[in-house]
C-alpha atoms as a PDB file:
ATOM      1  CA  UNK A   1      43.834 203.418 333.339  1.00  0.00           C
ATOM      2  CA  UNK A   2      47.237 204.127 331.794  1.00  0.00           C
ATOM      3  CA  UNK A   3      47.547 207.302 329.740  1.00  0.00           C
ATOM      4  CA  UNK A   4      49.141 207.453 326.294  1.00  0.00           C
ATOM      5  CA  UNK A   5      51.929 210.038 326.315  1.00  0.00           C
ATOM      6  CA  UNK A   6      53.409 209.717 322.848  1.00  0.00           C
ATOM      7  CA  UNK A   7      53.545 207.436 319.838  1.00  0.00           C
ATOM      8  CA  UNK A   8      56.519 205.635 318.310  1.00  0.00           C
ATOM      9  CA  UNK A   9      56.965 206.126 314.574  1.00  0.00           C
ATOM     10  CA  UNK A  10      59.152 204.312 312.065  1.00  0.00           C
ATOM     11  CA  UNK A  11      60.668 205.741 308.874  1.00  0.00           C
ATOM     12  CA  UNK A  12      63.315 204.996 306.274  1.00  0.00           C
ATOM     13  CA  UNK A  13      63.600 208.680 305.367  1.00  0.00           C
ATOM     14  CA  UNK A  14      66.895 209.523 307.072  1.00  0.00           C
ATOM     15  CA  UNK A  15      67.003 212.996 305.518  1.00  0.00           C
ATOM     16  CA  UNK A  16      64.141 214.309 307.657  1.00  0.00           C
ATOM     17  CA  UNK A  17      66.262 214.297 310.837  1.00  0.00           C
ATOM     18  CA  UNK A  18      68.544 217.178 311.830  1.00  0.00           C
ATOM     19  CA  UNK A  19      71.353 217.503 314.363  1.00  0.00           C
ATOM     20  CA  UNK A  20      70.513 220.333 316.749  1.00  0.00           C
ATOM     21  CA  UNK A  21      73.035 223.192 316.682  1.00  0.00           C
ATOM     22  CA  UNK A  22      75.125 223.164 319.855  1.00  0.00           C
ATOM     23  CA  UNK A  23      74.911 219.429 320.532  1.00  0.00           C
ATOM     24  CA  UNK A  24      78.194 217.651 321.170  1.00  0.00           C
ATOM     25  CA  UNK A  25      80.031 215.840 318.376  1.00  0.00           C
ATOM     26  CA  UNK A  26      79.360 212.190 317.652  1.00  0.00           C
ATOM     27  CA  UNK A  27      81.601 209.726 319.454  1.00  0.00           C
ATOM     28  CA  UNK A  28      82.448 207.158 316.812  1.00  0.00           C
ATOM     29  CA  UNK A  29      83.246 204.507 319.412  1.00  0.00           C
ATOM     30  CA  UNK A  30      79.640 204.795 320.590  1.00  0.00           C
ATOM     31  CA  UNK A  31      78.373 204.600 317.010  1.00  0.00           C
ATOM     32  CA  UNK A  32      80.447 201.471 316.351  1.00  0.00           C
ATOM     33  CA  UNK A  33      79.227 199.766 319.535  1.00  0.00           C
ATOM     34  CA  UNK A  34      75.548 200.514 318.800  1.00  0.00           C
ATOM     35  CA  UNK A  35      75.995 199.511 315.177  1.00  0.00           C
ATOM     36  CA  UNK A  36      77.455 196.146 316.161  1.00  0.00           C
ATOM     37  CA  UNK A  37      74.628 195.482 318.626  1.00  0.00           C
ATOM     38  CA  UNK A  38      71.899 196.679 316.220  1.00  0.00           C
ATOM     39  CA  UNK A  39      73.227 194.465 313.422  1.00  0.00           C
ATOM     40  CA  UNK A  40      72.386 191.531 315.686  1.00  0.00           C
ATOM     41  CA  UNK A  41      69.085 192.908 316.989  1.00  0.00           C
ATOM     42  CA  UNK A  42      67.508 196.348 316.719  1.00  0.00           C
ATOM     43  CA  UNK A  43      65.894 197.134 320.052  1.00  0.00           C
ATOM     44  CA  UNK A  44      62.706 199.179 320.331  1.00  0.00           C
ATOM     45  CA  UNK A  45      64.434 202.204 321.847  1.00  0.00           C
ATOM     46  CA  UNK A  46      63.281 205.207 319.779  1.00  0.00           C
ATOM     47  CA  UNK A  47      65.227 208.402 319.333  1.00  0.00           C
ATOM     48  CA  UNK A  48      63.616 211.574 320.663  1.00  0.00           C
ATOM     49  CA  UNK A  49      63.007 214.507 318.307  1.00  0.00           C
ATOM     50  CA  UNK A  50      61.156 217.804 318.498  1.00  0.00           C
ATOM     51  CA  UNK A  51      58.531 219.029 316.045  1.00  0.00           C
ATOM     52  CA  UNK A  52      61.316 220.234 313.688  1.00  0.00           C
ATOM     53  CA  UNK A  53      62.812 216.717 313.682  1.00  0.00           C
ATOM     54  CA  UNK A  54      65.908 217.982 315.484  1.00  0.00           C
ATOM     55  CA  UNK A  55      67.407 215.118 317.480  1.00  0.00           C
ATOM     56  CA  UNK A  56      67.094 215.697 321.229  1.00  0.00           C
ATOM     57  CA  UNK A  57      68.323 212.278 322.329  1.00  0.00           C
ATOM     58  CA  UNK A  58      69.671 209.409 320.226  1.00  0.00           C
ATOM     59  CA  UNK A  59      71.987 210.906 317.625  1.00  0.00           C
ATOM     60  CA  UNK A  60      74.297 207.884 317.961  1.00  0.00           C
ATOM     61  CA  UNK A  61      71.384 205.492 317.344  1.00  0.00           C
ATOM     62  CA  UNK A  62      70.320 207.564 314.331  1.00  0.00           C
ATOM     63  CA  UNK A  63      73.808 207.381 312.816  1.00  0.00           C
ATOM     64  CA  UNK A  64      74.156 203.652 313.542  1.00  0.00           C
ATOM     65  CA  UNK A  65      70.741 202.673 312.197  1.00  0.00           C
ATOM     66  CA  UNK A  66      71.153 204.770 309.033  1.00  0.00           C
ATOM     67  CA  UNK A  67      74.584 203.198 308.427  1.00  0.00           C
ATOM     68  CA  UNK A  68      72.964 199.766 308.630  1.00  0.00           C
ATOM     69  CA  UNK A  69      69.976 200.741 306.491  1.00  0.00           C
ATOM     70  CA  UNK A  70      67.561 200.052 309.350  1.00  0.00           C
ATOM     71  CA  UNK A  71      64.308 201.945 309.965  1.00  0.00           C
ATOM     72  CA  UNK A  72      64.554 204.896 312.341  1.00  0.00           C
ATOM     73  CA  UNK A  73      62.299 204.546 315.357  1.00  0.00           C
ATOM     74  CA  UNK A  74      61.376 207.918 316.832  1.00  0.00           C
ATOM     75  CA  UNK A  75      58.997 209.743 319.109  1.00  0.00           C
ATOM     76  CA  UNK A  76      58.174 213.453 319.128  1.00  0.00           C
ATOM     77  CA  UNK A  77      58.395 215.869 322.075  1.00  0.00           C
ATOM     78  CA  UNK A  78      57.203 219.286 320.988  1.00  0.00           C
ATOM     79  CA  UNK A  79      58.992 222.343 322.343  1.00  0.00           C
ATOM     80  CA  UNK A  80      62.188 220.523 323.289  1.00  0.00           C
ATOM     81  CA  UNK A  81      65.469 222.304 322.475  1.00  0.00           C
ATOM     82  CA  UNK A  82      69.180 222.446 323.370  1.00  0.00           C
ATOM     83  CA  UNK A  83      68.385 222.684 327.085  1.00  0.00           C
ATOM     84  CA  UNK A  84      66.747 219.257 326.993  1.00  0.00           C
ATOM     85  CA  UNK A  85      69.594 217.911 324.844  1.00  0.00           C
ATOM     86  CA  UNK A  86      72.087 218.841 327.550  1.00  0.00           C
ATOM     87  CA  UNK A  87      69.931 217.351 330.287  1.00  0.00           C
ATOM     88  CA  UNK A  88      69.489 214.119 328.335  1.00  0.00           C
ATOM     89  CA  UNK A  89      73.211 213.843 327.672  1.00  0.00           C
ATOM     90  CA  UNK A  90      74.119 214.544 331.289  1.00  0.00           C
ATOM     91  CA  UNK A  91      71.876 211.660 332.282  1.00  0.00           C
ATOM     92  CA  UNK A  92      73.857 209.312 330.048  1.00  0.00           C
ATOM     93  CA  UNK A  93      77.453 210.324 329.346  1.00  0.00           C
ATOM     94  CA  UNK A  94      78.694 213.519 331.018  1.00  0.00           C
ATOM     95  CA  UNK A  95      79.666 216.380 328.781  1.00  0.00           C
ATOM     96  CA  UNK A  96      83.375 216.964 328.386  1.00  0.00           C
ATOM     97  CA  UNK A  97      84.987 220.392 328.278  1.00  0.00           C
ATOM     98  CA  UNK A  98      85.328 219.909 324.507  1.00  0.00           C
ATOM     99  CA  UNK A  99      81.555 219.355 324.241  1.00  0.00           C
ATOM    100  CA  UNK A 100      80.839 222.642 326.032  1.00  0.00           C
ATOM    101  CA  UNK A 101      83.375 224.477 323.870  1.00  0.00           C
ATOM    102  CA  UNK A 102      81.816 223.096 320.678  1.00  0.00           C
ATOM    103  CA  UNK A 103      78.340 224.072 321.855  1.00  0.00           C
ATOM    104  CA  UNK A 104      79.263 227.730 322.467  1.00  0.00           C
ATOM    105  CA  UNK A 105      81.248 227.884 319.224  1.00  0.00           C
ATOM    106  CA  UNK A 106      78.316 226.443 317.243  1.00  0.00           C
ATOM    107  CA  UNK A 107      76.027 229.012 318.850  1.00  0.00           C
ATOM    108  CA  UNK A 108      78.218 231.774 317.381  1.00  0.00           C
ATOM    109  CA  UNK A 109      79.679 233.024 320.679  1.00  0.00           C
ATOM    110  CA  UNK A 110      82.287 235.470 319.319  1.00  0.00           C
ATOM    111  CA  UNK A 111      85.229 234.579 321.590  1.00  0.00           C
ATOM    112  CA  UNK A 112      84.635 230.863 321.130  1.00  0.00           C
ATOM    113  CA  UNK A 113      84.445 231.241 317.352  1.00  0.00           C
ATOM    114  CA  UNK A 114      87.732 233.183 317.302  1.00  0.00           C
ATOM    115  CA  UNK A 115      89.458 230.529 319.379  1.00  0.00           C
ATOM    116  CA  UNK A 116      87.880 227.758 317.285  1.00  0.00           C
ATOM    117  CA  UNK A 117      89.332 229.360 314.148  1.00  0.00           C
ATOM    118  CA  UNK A 118      92.765 229.341 315.800  1.00  0.00           C
ATOM    119  CA  UNK A 119      92.338 225.690 316.817  1.00  0.00           C
ATOM    120  CA  UNK A 120      91.272 224.668 313.305  1.00  0.00           C
ATOM    121  CA  UNK A 121      94.188 226.535 311.719  1.00  0.00           C
ATOM    122  CA  UNK A 122      96.788 224.880 313.930  1.00  0.00           C
ATOM    123  CA  UNK A 123      95.116 221.522 314.541  1.00  0.00           C
ATOM    124  CA  UNK A 124      94.907 221.998 318.312  1.00  0.00           C
ATOM    125  CA  UNK A 125      92.648 220.401 320.892  1.00  0.00           C
ATOM    126  CA  UNK A 126      90.699 222.218 323.576  1.00  0.00           C
ATOM    127  CA  UNK A 127      92.874 221.073 326.497  1.00  0.00           C
ATOM    128  CA  UNK A 128      96.019 222.392 324.813  1.00  0.00           C
ATOM    129  CA  UNK A 129      94.335 225.721 324.120  1.00  0.00           C
ATOM    130  CA  UNK A 130      93.221 225.972 327.762  1.00  0.00           C
ATOM    131  CA  UNK A 131      96.857 225.688 328.854  1.00  0.00           C
ATOM    132  CA  UNK A 132      97.852 228.367 326.358  1.00  0.00           C
ATOM    133  CA  UNK A 133      95.067 230.727 327.453  1.00  0.00           C
ATOM    134  CA  UNK A 134      96.112 230.162 331.062  1.00  0.00           C
ATOM    135  CA  UNK A 135      99.672 231.301 330.268  1.00  0.00           C
ATOM    136  CA  UNK A 136      98.585 234.334 328.238  1.00  0.00           C
ATOM    137  CA  UNK A 137      95.930 235.554 330.679  1.00  0.00           C
ATOM    138  CA  UNK A 138      97.758 234.418 333.846  1.00  0.00           C
ATOM    139  CA  UNK A 139      94.501 232.822 334.933  1.00  0.00           C
ATOM    140  CA  UNK A 140      94.308 229.314 336.410  1.00  0.00           C
ATOM    141  CA  UNK A 141      92.957 226.522 334.233  1.00  0.00           C
ATOM    142  CA  UNK A 142      90.083 225.701 336.602  1.00  0.00           C
ATOM    143  CA  UNK A 143      88.658 229.202 336.135  1.00  0.00           C
ATOM    144  CA  UNK A 144      89.087 229.010 332.365  1.00  0.00           C
ATOM    145  CA  UNK A 145      87.281 225.658 332.215  1.00  0.00           C
ATOM    146  CA  UNK A 146      84.404 227.078 334.247  1.00  0.00           C
ATOM    147  CA  UNK A 147      84.202 230.048 331.876  1.00  0.00           C
ATOM    148  CA  UNK A 148      84.002 227.616 328.967  1.00  0.00           C
ATOM    149  CA  UNK A 149      81.189 225.682 330.623  1.00  0.00           C
ATOM    150  CA  UNK A 150      79.297 228.899 331.376  1.00  0.00           C
ATOM    151  CA  UNK A 151      80.004 230.404 327.957  1.00  0.00           C
ATOM    152  CA  UNK A 152      81.619 233.453 329.565  1.00  0.00           C
ATOM    153  CA  UNK A 153      85.170 233.030 328.227  1.00  0.00           C
ATOM    154  CA  UNK A 154      86.260 236.321 326.664  1.00  0.00           C
ATOM    155  CA  UNK A 155      89.707 237.232 325.372  1.00  0.00           C
ATOM    156  CA  UNK A 156      90.955 240.704 324.472  1.00  0.00           C
ATOM    157  CA  UNK A 157      92.435 241.485 321.067  1.00  0.00           C
ATOM    158  CA  UNK A 158      95.873 241.731 322.688  1.00  0.00           C
ATOM    159  CA  UNK A 159      95.502 238.263 324.213  1.00  0.00           C
ATOM    160  CA  UNK A 160      94.399 236.809 320.876  1.00  0.00           C
ATOM    161  CA  UNK A 161      97.434 238.410 319.200  1.00  0.00           C
ATOM    162  CA  UNK A 162      99.768 236.908 321.808  1.00  0.00           C
ATOM    163  CA  UNK A 163      98.176 233.496 321.302  1.00  0.00           C
ATOM    164  CA  UNK A 164      98.679 233.724 317.549  1.00  0.00           C
ATOM    165  CA  UNK A 165     102.316 234.821 317.943  1.00  0.00           C
ATOM    166  CA  UNK A 166     103.004 231.895 320.246  1.00  0.00           C
ATOM    167  CA  UNK A 167     101.465 229.453 317.773  1.00  0.00           C
ATOM    168  CA  UNK A 168     103.515 230.896 314.911  1.00  0.00           C
ATOM    169  CA  UNK A 169     106.648 230.298 316.962  1.00  0.00           C
ATOM    170  CA  UNK A 170     105.390 226.865 317.990  1.00  0.00           C
ATOM    171  CA  UNK A 171     105.171 225.903 314.303  1.00  0.00           C
ATOM    172  CA  UNK A 172     108.980 226.120 314.167  1.00  0.00           C
ATOM    173  CA  UNK A 173     108.893 222.645 315.696  1.00  0.00           C
ATOM    174  CA  UNK A 174     106.661 221.078 313.047  1.00  0.00           C
ATOM    175  CA  UNK A 175     109.614 219.005 311.815  1.00  0.00           C
ATOM    176  CA  UNK A 176     109.454 217.071 315.107  1.00  0.00           C
ATOM    177  CA  UNK A 177     107.076 214.128 314.921  1.00  0.00           C
ATOM    178  CA  UNK A 178     105.736 214.513 318.465  1.00  0.00           C
ATOM    179  CA  UNK A 179     105.532 218.295 318.706  1.00  0.00           C
ATOM    180  CA  UNK A 180     101.777 218.199 319.350  1.00  0.00           C
ATOM    181  CA  UNK A 181     102.016 215.652 322.165  1.00  0.00           C
ATOM    182  CA  UNK A 182     100.793 216.904 325.523  1.00  0.00           C
ATOM    183  CA  UNK A 183     104.213 216.513 327.196  1.00  0.00           C
ATOM    184  CA  UNK A 184     105.966 218.625 324.570  1.00  0.00           C
ATOM    185  CA  UNK A 185     103.284 221.322 324.374  1.00  0.00           C
ATOM    186  CA  UNK A 186     103.166 221.714 328.158  1.00  0.00           C
ATOM    187  CA  UNK A 187     106.956 221.891 328.403  1.00  0.00           C
ATOM    188  CA  UNK A 188     107.319 224.443 325.623  1.00  0.00           C
ATOM    189  CA  UNK A 189     104.587 226.606 327.141  1.00  0.00           C
ATOM    190  CA  UNK A 190     106.550 226.741 330.417  1.00  0.00           C
ATOM    191  CA  UNK A 191     109.773 227.597 328.626  1.00  0.00           C
ATOM    192  CA  UNK A 192     108.248 230.107 326.191  1.00  0.00           C
ATOM    193  CA  UNK A 193     106.566 232.135 328.915  1.00  0.00           C
ATOM    194  CA  UNK A 194     109.612 232.069 331.183  1.00  0.00           C
ATOM    195  CA  UNK A 195     110.761 235.679 331.581  1.00  0.00           C
ATOM    196  CA  UNK A 196     114.321 235.039 330.260  1.00  0.00           C
ATOM    197  CA  UNK A 197     113.270 233.117 327.152  1.00  0.00           C
ATOM    198  CA  UNK A 198     114.128 234.559 323.722  1.00  0.00           C
ATOM    199  CA  UNK A 199     112.610 232.738 320.766  1.00  0.00           C
ATOM    200  CA  UNK A 200     115.216 234.123 318.378  1.00  0.00           C
ATOM    201  CA  UNK A 201     117.816 232.100 320.256  1.00  0.00           C
ATOM    202  CA  UNK A 202     115.665 228.966 319.981  1.00  0.00           C
ATOM    203  CA  UNK A 203     115.128 229.569 316.262  1.00  0.00           C
ATOM    204  CA  UNK A 204     118.878 229.775 315.670  1.00  0.00           C
ATOM    205  CA  UNK A 205     119.415 226.575 317.636  1.00  0.00           C
ATOM    206  CA  UNK A 206     116.779 224.746 315.590  1.00  0.00           C
ATOM    207  CA  UNK A 207     118.643 225.580 312.398  1.00  0.00           C
ATOM    208  CA  UNK A 208     121.696 223.642 313.599  1.00  0.00           C
ATOM    209  CA  UNK A 209     120.611 221.185 316.296  1.00  0.00           C
ATOM    210  CA  UNK A 210     117.318 219.565 315.354  1.00  0.00           C
ATOM    211  CA  UNK A 211     118.813 216.183 316.290  1.00  0.00           C
ATOM    212  CA  UNK A 212     118.037 217.032 319.942  1.00  0.00           C
ATOM    213  CA  UNK A 213     114.391 216.289 319.141  1.00  0.00           C
ATOM    214  CA  UNK A 214     113.771 212.779 317.896  1.00  0.00           C
ATOM    215  CA  UNK A 215     112.041 210.378 320.257  1.00  0.00           C
ATOM    216  CA  UNK A 216     108.868 210.756 322.290  1.00  0.00           C
ATOM    217  CA  UNK A 217     109.113 212.335 325.762  1.00  0.00           C
ATOM    218  CA  UNK A 218     107.728 210.450 328.731  1.00  0.00           C
ATOM    219  CA  UNK A 219     106.482 213.621 330.468  1.00  0.00           C
ATOM    220  CA  UNK A 220     106.781 217.417 330.657  1.00  0.00           C
ATOM    221  CA  UNK A 221     109.933 217.279 332.798  1.00  0.00           C
ATOM    222  CA  UNK A 222     111.701 215.016 330.327  1.00  0.00           C
ATOM    223  CA  UNK A 223     110.776 217.440 327.534  1.00  0.00           C
ATOM    224  CA  UNK A 224     111.920 220.500 329.501  1.00  0.00           C
ATOM    225  CA  UNK A 225     115.319 218.930 330.151  1.00  0.00           C
ATOM    226  CA  UNK A 226     115.838 218.435 326.433  1.00  0.00           C
ATOM    227  CA  UNK A 227     114.394 221.787 325.362  1.00  0.00           C
ATOM    228  CA  UNK A 228     116.624 223.738 327.733  1.00  0.00           C
ATOM    229  CA  UNK A 229     119.691 221.761 326.639  1.00  0.00           C
ATOM    230  CA  UNK A 230     118.797 222.544 323.029  1.00  0.00           C
ATOM    231  CA  UNK A 231     118.207 226.210 323.832  1.00  0.00           C
ATOM    232  CA  UNK A 232     121.478 226.616 325.771  1.00  0.00           C
ATOM    233  CA  UNK A 233     123.748 224.429 323.635  1.00  0.00           C
ATOM    234  CA  UNK A 234     126.612 226.537 322.286  1.00  0.00           C
ATOM    235  CA  UNK A 235     125.106 229.742 323.679  1.00  0.00           C
ATOM    236  CA  UNK A 236     127.474 231.996 325.622  1.00  0.00           C
ATOM    237  CA  UNK A 237     124.874 234.220 327.272  1.00  0.00           C
ATOM    238  CA  UNK A 238     121.244 233.894 328.338  1.00  0.00           C
ATOM    239  CA  UNK A 239     121.409 230.170 329.002  1.00  0.00           C
ATOM    240  CA  UNK A 240     118.354 228.603 330.613  1.00  0.00           C
ATOM    241  CA  UNK A 241     118.404 225.340 332.533  1.00  0.00           C
ATOM    242  CA  UNK A 242     115.814 223.104 334.154  1.00  0.00           C
ATOM    243  CA  UNK A 243     116.280 221.757 337.667  1.00  0.00           C
ATOM    244  CA  UNK A 244     114.693 218.297 337.823  1.00  0.00           C
ATOM    245  CA  UNK A 245     114.639 218.378 341.624  1.00  0.00           C
ATOM    246  CA  UNK A 246     112.894 221.722 342.139  1.00  0.00           C
ATOM    247  CA  UNK A 247     110.959 221.417 338.852  1.00  0.00           C
ATOM    248  CA  UNK A 248     111.905 225.004 337.992  1.00  0.00           C
ATOM    249  CA  UNK A 249     113.626 226.838 335.182  1.00  0.00           C
ATOM    250  CA  UNK A 250     116.604 228.983 336.108  1.00  0.00           C
ATOM    251  CA  UNK A 251     119.356 231.138 334.667  1.00  0.00           C
ATOM    252  CA  UNK A 252     122.878 230.410 335.990  1.00  0.00           C
ATOM    253  CA  UNK A 253     124.469 233.295 337.865  1.00  0.00           C
ATOM    254  CA  UNK A 254     127.447 233.224 335.477  1.00  0.00           C
ATOM    255  CA  UNK A 255     125.091 234.396 332.709  1.00  0.00           C
END
């Protein structure tokens, strides 16, 4: 004889449900897709909650059904927590590096919170910050991503200061429409952390030659060509160039 494991409940009280701290952010494309389907027919696929009504699985269904004014179908699994949330999500859509970062930040991991504050202040995404951390710490991005997944990423005060200084200098380009595009960010990171680079020179060039930056760059190499031309234009000493063949920055011997 079959055994009853749990019961399915239905409610219109949307306020009783809570998003569990550390879960990944809603993907609005998923919400829209479920909402469209549910407006045609609401399937009997309940969300899973724990005894505190924290959503373990089904936060996109909850959002979609509440938007449509439909009853919330749910079942209760006592004792479930963030560990089961992660397992449930990994069985559906794999967690991204941004999901892991958000989880550790939400759980008040000090280093993650400090970096999150920096990201919020400057409107940066996780992948851009990973590249910046890699330059500052001289650690490869694969290792940094693994530290984010494991929650073991830890930056010193000096490294945080260097990150903030870079971002203050990076804001000098906020007049340029595409300055937060991946190609431009990656190119400027390479140039900025090149040993011969002097941001005072770049600042002086930006005062007179902003016209160098107008259109969108097709890739990092395209951006580096333009940035080095901007940096070296009209400069007598300390010129920096980019060799498109070797993909390296260099200082001419005549400098």
